[in-house]
Amino acid sequence: MLNVVFRSFASFITSFLVVFIFTPRFILFLKRKQSGGQPIREDGPKSHLVTKAGTPTMGGLLLIVSVILGTIIWGNLSNKYLWLCIIVMLGFGLVGAVDDYKKVSKHDYHGISVKTRFLIQILIASGCCGLATFLGNFDTTLHLPIFKNLVIDLGWLFIPWAVFVIIGSSNAVNITDGLDGLATTSIITTSTCLAIMCYFVGCKELANCFCISWVAETAEICILLSALIGSCLGFLWYNAYPAKIFMGDTGSVAIGAILGFIVIVIKQELVYAIIAGVFVIETLSDIVQVGYYKLTRKRIFKMAPFHHHLEQVGWAEPTIVFRFLIISIILGILGLSLLMRTK
């Protein structure tokens, strides 16, 4: 078996080429099938009604296919974590695809009801976490990145915690996916950091060196994450401003879920909250806006999530995306530096 680093690079190239080559044809196919493209929220930025109307969505389908293809070709198929990751991606991707289909077919941006969506996500996440606990030698502890000797045993609360992380991550990426290239660039930086973390956590010598909890066989997850990075880079070629295609809920919901599931596997949920800081900021801005409005009937931001607020105060869309990318890179380095501390 070839080493993980080489196979990760090969998986990256494979997924990149699949998306880069087939996206133009996929765009034409979606335009024929989707009359009107992605429905645009009427209460969103008015510029979006002009610049984004008619853009085809559900590009996440091609992302999912390319990630699975790269993983199957170059991954060790006896590794249980790869199959669990694929199951999570397919399950949440299906939820997102149904949501996108309802939006496009009915020309209504609402899609599946919030309650139905959350219920399905809870069932999928619970099933996958339960299966992972059954198949793997999972402990139920929560590890703190700064105080490395401090470990909290969650006990029976582990499954609810894991479900919260997966669903929270899924919806955080979905909320962030509101500007051309914003979610895609943040996914790339976050996935790169996670790939490094998986390699260290899965290597017993490195894990011991940096006082990280060693989880056997998790280095193989680098293959899937490399495929995800490659597919997102290929997609970004067409998703950068002005976007020719959106990933839609099909992609954002599935990718967010798989990132959340991976950090549960490698026991680095709190570090993930740092390296995925852009997603956290976007989600918190939405929660704070809604909560504050319900209490006071006033708004803290001109519009939520935060990237729309920045649009309203005059920031250009590409400026927001690139500055968030810079923030994402800084947070990624910060998260890795905390994880790699030897004491």
Protein backbone atom coordinates (compact mmCIF):
# COMPACT_ATOMS: atom_id res chain seq x y z
CA MET A 1 0.00 0.00 0.00
CA LEU A 2 1.37 3.41 -0.99
CA ASN A 3 1.94 5.86 1.84
CA VAL A 4 -0.79 8.24 2.96
CA VAL A 5 0.95 11.41 1.76
CA PHE A 6 1.30 10.20 -1.83
CA ARG A 7 -2.23 8.82 -1.95
CA SER A 8 -3.59 12.07 -0.49
CA PHE A 9 -1.90 14.03 -3.26
CA ALA A 10 -3.24 11.60 -5.88
CA SER A 11 -6.74 11.88 -4.40
CA PHE A 12 -6.44 15.68 -4.49
CA ILE A 13 -5.46 15.69 -8.17
CA THR A 14 -8.15 13.17 -9.13
CA SER A 15 -10.98 15.12 -7.50
CA PHE A 16 -9.69 18.44 -8.79
CA LEU A 17 -9.61 17.21 -12.39
CA VAL A 18 -13.06 15.61 -12.15
CA VAL A 19 -14.65 18.87 -10.98
CA PHE A 20 -12.56 21.15 -13.18
CA ILE A 21 -13.27 19.17 -16.36
CA PHE A 22 -16.93 18.28 -15.83
CA THR A 23 -18.31 21.44 -14.19
CA PRO A 24 -18.87 23.35 -17.49
CA ARG A 25 -20.98 20.46 -18.82
CA PHE A 26 -22.74 20.15 -15.48
CA ILE A 27 -23.59 23.87 -15.57
CA LEU A 28 -25.21 23.45 -19.00
CA PHE A 29 -27.13 20.40 -17.74
CA LEU A 30 -28.42 22.28 -14.68
CA LYS A 31 -29.45 25.28 -16.77
CA ARG A 32 -31.58 23.01 -18.93
CA LYS A 33 -33.17 21.36 -15.90
CA GLN A 34 -33.54 24.42 -13.65
CA SER A 35 -35.70 27.15 -15.13
CA GLY A 36 -34.72 30.28 -13.25
CA GLY A 37 -31.87 28.72 -11.27
CA GLN A 38 -31.34 29.42 -7.58
CA PRO A 39 -34.30 31.31 -6.02
CA ILE A 40 -33.00 34.52 -4.43
CA ARG A 41 -34.32 35.74 -1.08
CA GLU A 42 -36.37 38.88 -1.51
CA ASP A 43 -35.33 40.10 1.95
CA GLY A 44 -31.65 39.70 1.09
CA PRO A 45 -29.32 42.27 -0.47
CA LYS A 46 -31.06 43.88 -3.44
CA SER A 47 -27.95 43.51 -5.60
CA HIS A 48 -28.28 39.73 -5.40
CA LEU A 49 -31.65 39.88 -7.18
CA VAL A 50 -29.78 41.22 -10.21
CA THR A 51 -26.33 39.60 -10.08
CA LYS A 52 -27.26 36.10 -8.85
CA ALA A 53 -30.70 35.50 -10.31
CA GLY A 54 -30.73 32.58 -12.75
CA THR A 55 -27.47 31.04 -11.52
CA PRO A 56 -27.82 27.23 -11.42
CA THR A 57 -27.50 25.53 -8.05
CA MET A 58 -26.90 21.98 -6.74
CA GLY A 59 -23.24 22.06 -7.82
CA GLY A 60 -22.62 20.16 -4.61
CA LEU A 61 -23.70 16.99 -6.40
CA LEU A 62 -20.52 17.05 -8.47
CA LEU A 63 -18.44 17.84 -5.38
CA ILE A 64 -19.84 14.82 -3.53
CA VAL A 65 -19.28 12.51 -6.50
CA SER A 66 -15.68 13.69 -6.96
CA VAL A 67 -14.85 13.34 -3.25
CA ILE A 68 -16.25 9.81 -3.12
CA LEU A 69 -14.49 8.89 -6.37
CA GLY A 70 -11.11 10.18 -5.17
CA THR A 71 -11.58 8.41 -1.83
CA ILE A 72 -12.56 5.06 -3.34
CA ILE A 73 -9.76 5.08 -5.92
CA TRP A 74 -6.94 6.02 -3.52
CA GLY A 75 -8.24 5.16 -0.06
CA ASN A 76 -7.85 1.96 1.91
CA LEU A 77 -11.38 0.58 1.56
CA SER A 78 -10.97 -1.62 4.64
CA ASN A 79 -10.82 1.53 6.76
CA LYS A 80 -14.11 1.97 8.63
CA TYR A 81 -13.72 5.72 9.03
CA LEU A 82 -13.69 6.34 5.29
CA TRP A 83 -16.97 4.47 4.87
CA LEU A 84 -18.54 6.27 7.83
CA CYS A 85 -17.47 9.61 6.34
CA ILE A 86 -19.01 8.64 3.01
CA ILE A 87 -22.27 7.64 4.72
CA VAL A 88 -22.43 10.98 6.55
CA MET A 89 -21.74 12.89 3.33
CA LEU A 90 -24.37 10.98 1.36
CA GLY A 91 -26.98 11.25 4.12
CA PHE A 92 -26.66 14.99 4.63
CA GLY A 93 -26.12 15.55 0.91
CA LEU A 94 -29.47 13.88 0.25
CA VAL A 95 -31.18 16.24 2.71
CA GLY A 96 -29.56 19.23 0.99
CA ALA A 97 -30.45 17.92 -2.48
CA VAL A 98 -34.13 17.51 -1.58
CA ASP A 99 -34.10 21.01 -0.11
CA ASP A 100 -32.50 22.45 -3.27
CA TYR A 101 -34.90 20.54 -5.51
CA LYS A 102 -37.93 21.92 -3.68
CA LYS A 103 -36.55 25.44 -3.94
CA VAL A 104 -35.85 25.17 -7.66
CA SER A 105 -38.99 23.27 -8.65
CA LYS A 106 -41.31 25.55 -6.69
CA HIS A 107 -39.28 28.73 -7.29
CA ASP A 108 -39.31 29.32 -3.53
CA TYR A 109 -36.17 29.79 -1.42
CA HIS A 110 -37.75 28.23 1.70
CA GLY A 111 -37.35 24.54 0.72
CA ILE A 112 -37.83 21.93 3.47
CA SER A 113 -39.31 23.22 6.73
CA VAL A 114 -36.77 23.91 9.47
CA LYS A 115 -38.31 21.37 11.87
CA THR A 116 -38.33 18.59 9.26
CA ARG A 117 -34.79 19.35 8.23
CA PHE A 118 -33.46 19.28 11.80
CA LEU A 119 -35.31 16.07 12.62
CA ILE A 120 -33.81 14.28 9.61
CA GLN A 121 -30.34 15.63 10.41
CA ILE A 122 -30.63 14.46 14.02
CA LEU A 123 -31.61 10.96 12.89
CA ILE A 124 -28.74 10.70 10.39
CA ALA A 125 -26.14 12.14 12.79
CA SER A 126 -27.32 9.93 15.68
CA GLY A 127 -27.22 6.82 13.53
CA CYS A 128 -23.72 7.56 12.21
CA CYS A 129 -22.35 8.43 15.67
CA GLY A 130 -23.89 5.30 17.13
CA LEU A 131 -22.40 3.21 14.34
CA ALA A 132 -19.00 4.85 14.80
CA THR A 133 -19.11 4.14 18.53
CA PHE A 134 -20.04 0.52 17.86
CA LEU A 135 -17.38 -0.08 15.18
CA GLY A 136 -14.53 1.95 16.64
CA ASN A 137 -12.79 1.85 19.99
CA PHE A 138 -14.37 5.17 20.88
CA ASP A 139 -13.97 6.75 24.26
CA THR A 140 -16.42 9.39 25.43
CA THR A 141 -13.93 12.06 26.42
CA LEU A 142 -13.61 15.70 25.47
CA HIS A 143 -10.03 16.94 25.03
CA LEU A 144 -8.96 20.52 25.71
CA PRO A 145 -6.29 21.86 23.33
CA ILE A 146 -4.53 24.22 25.78
CA PHE A 147 -4.65 22.16 28.98
CA LYS A 148 -3.64 18.88 27.41
CA ASN A 149 -3.79 16.87 30.60
CA LEU A 150 -7.36 17.98 31.28
CA VAL A 151 -9.84 15.51 29.82
CA ILE A 152 -13.59 15.52 30.48
CA ASP A 153 -15.49 12.24 30.26
CA LEU A 154 -18.89 13.04 28.75
CA GLY A 155 -20.27 9.57 29.37
CA TRP A 156 -23.78 9.15 27.98
CA LEU A 157 -23.73 12.80 26.85
CA PHE A 158 -21.17 11.94 24.17
CA ILE A 159 -23.76 11.04 21.49
CA PRO A 160 -25.83 14.24 21.99
CA TRP A 161 -22.59 16.24 21.96
CA ALA A 162 -21.43 14.56 18.76
CA VAL A 163 -24.82 15.14 17.10
CA PHE A 164 -24.68 18.81 18.13
CA VAL A 165 -21.20 19.23 16.62
CA ILE A 166 -22.15 17.56 13.32
CA ILE A 167 -25.43 19.41 12.84
CA GLY A 168 -23.93 22.68 14.05
CA SER A 169 -21.06 22.36 11.59
CA SER A 170 -23.42 21.41 8.76
CA ASN A 171 -25.68 24.41 9.25
CA ALA A 172 -22.77 26.78 9.92
CA VAL A 173 -21.26 26.03 6.51
CA ASN A 174 -24.72 26.37 4.97
CA ILE A 175 -25.21 29.81 6.56
CA THR A 176 -21.79 30.95 5.34
CA ASP A 177 -22.59 29.96 1.76
CA GLY A 178 -24.08 33.31 0.80
CA LEU A 179 -21.40 34.98 -1.33
CA ASP A 180 -19.50 33.73 -4.38
CA GLY A 181 -16.57 31.68 -3.12
CA LEU A 182 -17.02 32.51 0.58
CA ALA A 183 -17.93 29.04 1.84
CA THR A 184 -15.65 27.33 -0.69
CA THR A 185 -12.49 29.18 0.36
CA SER A 186 -13.24 28.64 4.06
CA ILE A 187 -13.86 24.93 3.44
CA ILE A 188 -10.47 24.65 1.72
CA THR A 189 -8.53 26.24 4.59
CA THR A 190 -10.46 24.32 7.27
CA SER A 191 -10.07 21.00 5.44
CA THR A 192 -6.33 21.59 5.01
CA CYS A 193 -5.95 22.08 8.75
CA LEU A 194 -8.08 19.02 9.47
CA ALA A 195 -5.97 16.90 7.09
CA ILE A 196 -2.84 17.88 9.03
CA MET A 197 -4.61 17.10 12.30
CA CYS A 198 -5.78 13.69 11.07
CA TYR A 199 -2.24 12.79 10.02
CA PHE A 200 -0.83 13.70 13.44
CA VAL A 201 -3.66 12.07 15.40
CA GLY A 202 -3.41 8.89 13.32
CA CYS A 203 0.36 8.55 13.75
CA LYS A 204 1.15 7.18 17.21
CA GLU A 205 4.67 8.64 17.35
CA LEU A 206 3.53 12.15 16.39
CA ALA A 207 0.50 11.98 18.67
CA ASN A 208 2.71 11.03 21.63
CA CYS A 209 5.23 13.72 20.74
CA PHE A 210 2.60 16.47 20.82
CA CYS A 211 0.54 14.98 23.67
CA ILE A 212 -2.44 14.41 21.38
CA SER A 213 -4.93 11.63 21.85
CA TRP A 214 -3.94 8.91 19.36
CA VAL A 215 -6.81 7.43 17.33
CA ALA A 216 -5.71 4.48 15.21
CA GLU A 217 -6.45 4.48 11.45
CA THR A 218 -7.52 8.13 11.30
CA ALA A 219 -4.56 9.14 9.09
CA GLU A 220 -6.49 7.51 6.25
CA ILE A 221 -9.09 10.29 6.51
CA CYS A 222 -6.45 12.51 4.88
CA ILE A 223 -7.37 10.81 1.60
CA LEU A 224 -10.97 12.01 1.82
CA LEU A 225 -10.03 15.50 3.01
CA SER A 226 -7.51 15.86 0.18
CA ALA A 227 -10.23 14.88 -2.26
CA LEU A 228 -12.48 17.51 -0.70
CA ILE A 229 -9.80 20.19 -1.01
CA GLY A 230 -9.13 19.28 -4.64
CA SER A 231 -12.82 19.27 -5.56
CA CYS A 232 -13.39 22.64 -3.88
CA LEU A 233 -10.43 24.19 -5.70
CA GLY A 234 -11.79 22.91 -9.00
CA PHE A 235 -15.23 24.21 -8.09
CA LEU A 236 -13.83 27.60 -7.03
CA TRP A 237 -12.65 28.16 -10.62
CA TYR A 238 -16.33 28.50 -11.55
CA ASN A 239 -17.73 29.61 -8.18
CA ALA A 240 -15.48 32.66 -7.76
CA TYR A 241 -17.13 36.03 -8.30
CA PRO A 242 -19.19 36.26 -10.43
CA ALA A 243 -20.23 32.65 -9.81
CA LYS A 244 -21.39 30.52 -12.73
CA ILE A 245 -22.75 27.88 -10.34
CA PHE A 246 -23.66 27.54 -6.66
CA MET A 247 -22.96 24.46 -4.55
CA GLY A 248 -26.35 24.91 -2.89
CA ASP A 249 -27.51 23.12 0.24
CA THR A 250 -26.53 19.88 -1.49
CA GLY A 251 -22.87 20.75 -1.06
CA SER A 252 -22.76 23.02 1.98
CA VAL A 253 -24.91 20.82 4.24
CA ALA A 254 -22.99 17.65 3.29
CA ILE A 255 -19.52 19.20 3.57
CA GLY A 256 -20.27 20.87 6.90
CA ALA A 257 -21.54 17.57 8.30
CA ILE A 258 -18.48 15.61 7.16
CA LEU A 259 -16.12 18.16 8.74
CA GLY A 260 -18.05 17.96 12.00
CA PHE A 261 -18.00 14.17 11.96
CA ILE A 262 -14.24 14.06 11.34
CA VAL A 263 -13.42 16.23 14.36
CA ILE A 264 -15.60 13.95 16.50
CA VAL A 265 -13.55 10.97 15.29
CA ILE A 266 -10.17 12.59 15.98
CA LYS A 267 -11.34 14.11 19.31
CA GLN A 268 -10.52 17.72 18.36
CA GLU A 269 -13.91 19.44 18.54
CA LEU A 270 -12.64 22.51 20.42
CA VAL A 271 -9.71 23.10 18.06
CA TYR A 272 -12.20 22.84 15.20
CA ALA A 273 -14.18 25.74 16.70
CA ILE A 274 -11.04 27.84 16.21
CA ILE A 275 -9.93 26.76 12.74
CA ALA A 276 -13.53 26.95 11.52
CA GLY A 277 -13.88 30.38 13.09
CA VAL A 278 -15.39 31.96 9.99
CA PHE A 279 -18.28 29.50 10.14
CA VAL A 280 -18.65 30.17 13.87
CA ILE A 281 -18.70 33.95 13.38
CA GLU A 282 -21.31 33.71 10.66
CA THR A 283 -23.54 31.42 12.71
CA LEU A 284 -23.27 33.46 15.90
CA SER A 285 -24.12 36.66 14.02
CA ASP A 286 -27.29 35.01 12.75
CA ILE A 287 -28.25 33.66 16.19
CA VAL A 288 -27.56 36.99 17.91
CA GLN A 289 -29.52 38.93 15.28
CA VAL A 290 -32.59 36.70 15.57
CA GLY A 291 -32.47 36.52 19.37
CA TYR A 292 -31.96 40.26 19.85
CA TYR A 293 -34.76 41.08 17.40
CA LYS A 294 -37.21 38.79 19.19
CA LEU A 295 -36.41 40.47 22.51
CA THR A 296 -36.26 44.12 21.43
CA ARG A 297 -37.69 44.31 17.89
CA LYS A 298 -34.40 45.96 16.96
CA ARG A 299 -31.43 44.71 14.93
CA ILE A 300 -27.76 44.68 15.90
CA PHE A 301 -26.57 44.17 12.30
CA LYS A 302 -28.04 45.77 9.21
CA MET A 303 -28.55 42.22 7.93
CA ALA A 304 -27.52 38.74 9.04
CA PRO A 305 -25.42 36.70 8.66
CA PHE A 306 -22.44 38.99 9.06
CA HIS A 307 -21.27 38.92 5.43
CA HIS A 308 -24.58 40.55 4.40
CA HIS A 309 -24.06 43.25 7.05
CA LEU A 310 -20.68 44.04 5.48
CA GLU A 311 -22.35 44.29 2.07
CA GLN A 312 -24.88 46.75 3.49
CA VAL A 313 -22.15 49.02 4.88
CA GLY A 314 -20.47 49.18 1.47
CA TRP A 315 -17.95 46.35 1.26
CA ALA A 316 -17.65 44.79 -2.20
CA GLU A 317 -18.40 41.07 -2.41
CA PRO A 318 -14.87 40.01 -3.52
CA THR A 319 -13.38 42.14 -0.72
CA ILE A 320 -15.48 40.34 1.89
CA VAL A 321 -14.53 36.92 0.52
CA PHE A 322 -10.79 37.61 0.44
CA ARG A 323 -10.71 39.24 3.88
CA PHE A 324 -12.64 36.31 5.35
CA LEU A 325 -10.12 34.02 3.64
CA ILE A 326 -7.29 35.87 5.40
CA ILE A 327 -9.11 35.48 8.73
CA SER A 328 -9.68 31.79 8.03
CA ILE A 329 -5.97 31.22 7.35
CA ILE A 330 -4.96 33.06 10.54
CA LEU A 331 -7.44 31.07 12.63
CA GLY A 332 -6.25 27.84 11.03
CA ILE A 333 -2.63 28.58 11.98
CA LEU A 334 -3.74 29.53 15.50
CA GLY A 335 -5.70 26.30 15.93
CA LEU A 336 -2.83 24.15 14.69
CA SER A 337 -0.34 25.97 16.92
CA LEU A 338 -2.48 25.18 19.96
CA LEU A 339 -2.79 21.56 18.93
CA MET A 340 0.94 21.13 18.26
CA ARG A 341 2.08 22.47 21.62
CA THR A 342 4.30 19.88 23.28
CA LYS A 343 3.39 20.88 26.82
